[in-house]
Every structure is written in structure tokens, then in C-alpha cells.
Amino acid sequence: MRVEILGQERRRRWGDAKKLDVVMSIGLDGATVTEVAHRHDVSRQQIYAWRHELKKKGLLPSTADTVFVPVDMAAMHGAPL
């Protein structure tokens, strides 16, 4: 079997703004990580790596996907199980 190399394969370069757009598109209209990865022709692992990188750079708040709900512990203490 003979294989010919026709040209040099180049890596795509993704700027922080484009990475942020891709990461923030997760969840819009119910889009999953897998769907977003297919749409942009990258792996799911790449999106998770970008999310981690953007959080470290301070471009993506670490609590962007966290929701806090207030809990009244005093009301819970007296409540029957």
C-alpha cells in the first residue's frame, strides 16, 4: 500500500473569544456537549479542556453552571421525616 502526502496538515487555531462562544453555546436550546462538539468538529474532551482553561484565565466564571438555592435550616430542623 502506498500513501502520498499531498500537503502539510495544519492545526486550527482557536482564540479565547471563539472558545468562549463554543463553551457558552452548551445548554442553549437544550444543546448538549456532544451536539456542540459535532457542530464545531471538535471532541467533547476538547470542550471540557477549553472550559477548564477559560476558568483558569478568569474568562469563564467557575460558577457559571452552578445554581445555589437558599435553605432554611431552622425550618428543616423541626420538620418530621
Protein backbone atom coordinates (compact mmCIF):
# COMPACT_ATOMS: atom_id res chain seq x y z
CA MET A 1 0.00 0.00 0.00
CA ARG A 2 1.34 3.38 -0.98
CA VAL A 3 0.41 6.61 0.79
CA GLU A 4 1.13 10.03 -0.62
CA ILE A 5 1.23 13.15 1.48
CA LEU A 6 -0.23 15.97 -0.56
CA GLY A 7 0.26 18.82 1.82
CA GLN A 8 1.07 19.77 5.33
CA GLU A 9 -1.82 19.30 7.74
CA ARG A 10 -2.37 22.41 9.79
CA ARG A 11 -3.82 22.72 13.21
CA ARG A 12 -6.74 25.02 13.66
CA ARG A 13 -6.14 27.91 16.00
CA TRP A 14 -8.96 28.86 18.30
CA GLY A 15 -8.91 32.24 20.01
CA ASP A 16 -10.26 32.71 23.51
CA ALA A 17 -13.33 34.52 22.17
CA LYS A 18 -14.23 31.63 19.85
CA LYS A 19 -13.60 29.06 22.61
CA LEU A 20 -15.86 31.04 24.92
CA ASP A 21 -18.60 31.15 22.26
CA VAL A 22 -18.40 27.38 21.83
CA VAL A 23 -18.42 26.67 25.59
CA MET A 24 -21.27 29.10 26.26
CA SER A 25 -23.39 27.53 23.50
CA ILE A 26 -23.77 24.40 25.64
CA GLY A 27 -27.25 24.36 27.11
CA LEU A 28 -28.71 26.89 24.69
CA ASP A 29 -31.91 25.42 23.29
CA GLY A 30 -31.01 22.20 25.10
CA ALA A 31 -27.71 21.68 23.24
CA THR A 32 -25.52 19.02 24.85
CA VAL A 33 -21.71 18.93 24.90
CA THR A 34 -21.81 16.16 22.29
CA GLU A 35 -24.03 18.18 19.95
CA VAL A 36 -21.87 21.29 20.29
CA ALA A 37 -18.71 19.22 19.70
CA HIS A 38 -20.16 17.73 16.49
CA ARG A 39 -21.32 21.15 15.32
CA HIS A 40 -17.80 22.60 15.67
CA ASP A 41 -15.94 19.43 14.63
CA VAL A 42 -14.05 19.03 17.92
CA SER A 43 -14.08 16.34 20.59
CA ARG A 44 -16.07 16.54 23.80
CA GLN A 45 -12.80 16.35 25.71
CA GLN A 46 -11.56 19.45 23.86
CA ILE A 47 -14.60 21.41 25.01
CA TYR A 48 -14.04 20.31 28.61
CA ALA A 49 -10.36 21.34 28.33
CA TRP A 50 -11.36 24.74 26.93
CA ARG A 51 -13.85 25.24 29.76
CA HIS A 52 -11.12 24.45 32.31
CA GLU A 53 -8.66 26.76 30.52
CA LEU A 54 -11.14 29.63 30.33
CA LYS A 55 -11.95 29.28 34.05
CA LYS A 56 -8.24 29.42 34.92
CA LYS A 57 -7.84 32.57 32.81
CA GLY A 58 -10.84 34.17 34.55
CA LEU A 59 -12.80 34.45 31.30
CA LEU A 60 -15.46 31.99 32.40
CA PRO A 61 -16.78 32.24 35.94
CA SER A 62 -16.21 28.99 37.81
CA THR A 63 -19.83 29.15 38.97
CA ALA A 64 -21.32 29.67 35.50
CA ASP A 65 -23.07 26.31 35.65
CA THR A 66 -23.78 26.33 39.40
CA VAL A 67 -27.09 27.33 40.91
CA PHE A 68 -27.46 27.93 44.64
CA VAL A 69 -30.81 27.53 46.36
CA PRO A 70 -31.37 29.01 49.82
CA VAL A 71 -32.28 26.51 52.52
CA ASP A 72 -33.87 27.43 55.86
CA MET A 73 -32.14 25.01 58.26
CA ALA A 74 -34.30 26.13 61.20
CA ALA A 75 -37.44 25.06 59.33
CA MET A 76 -35.78 21.78 58.36
CA HIS A 77 -34.73 21.00 61.94
CA GLY A 78 -38.28 20.80 63.27
CA ALA A 79 -39.78 19.12 60.20
CA PRO A 80 -40.83 15.47 60.57
CA LEU A 81 -39.20 12.93 58.28
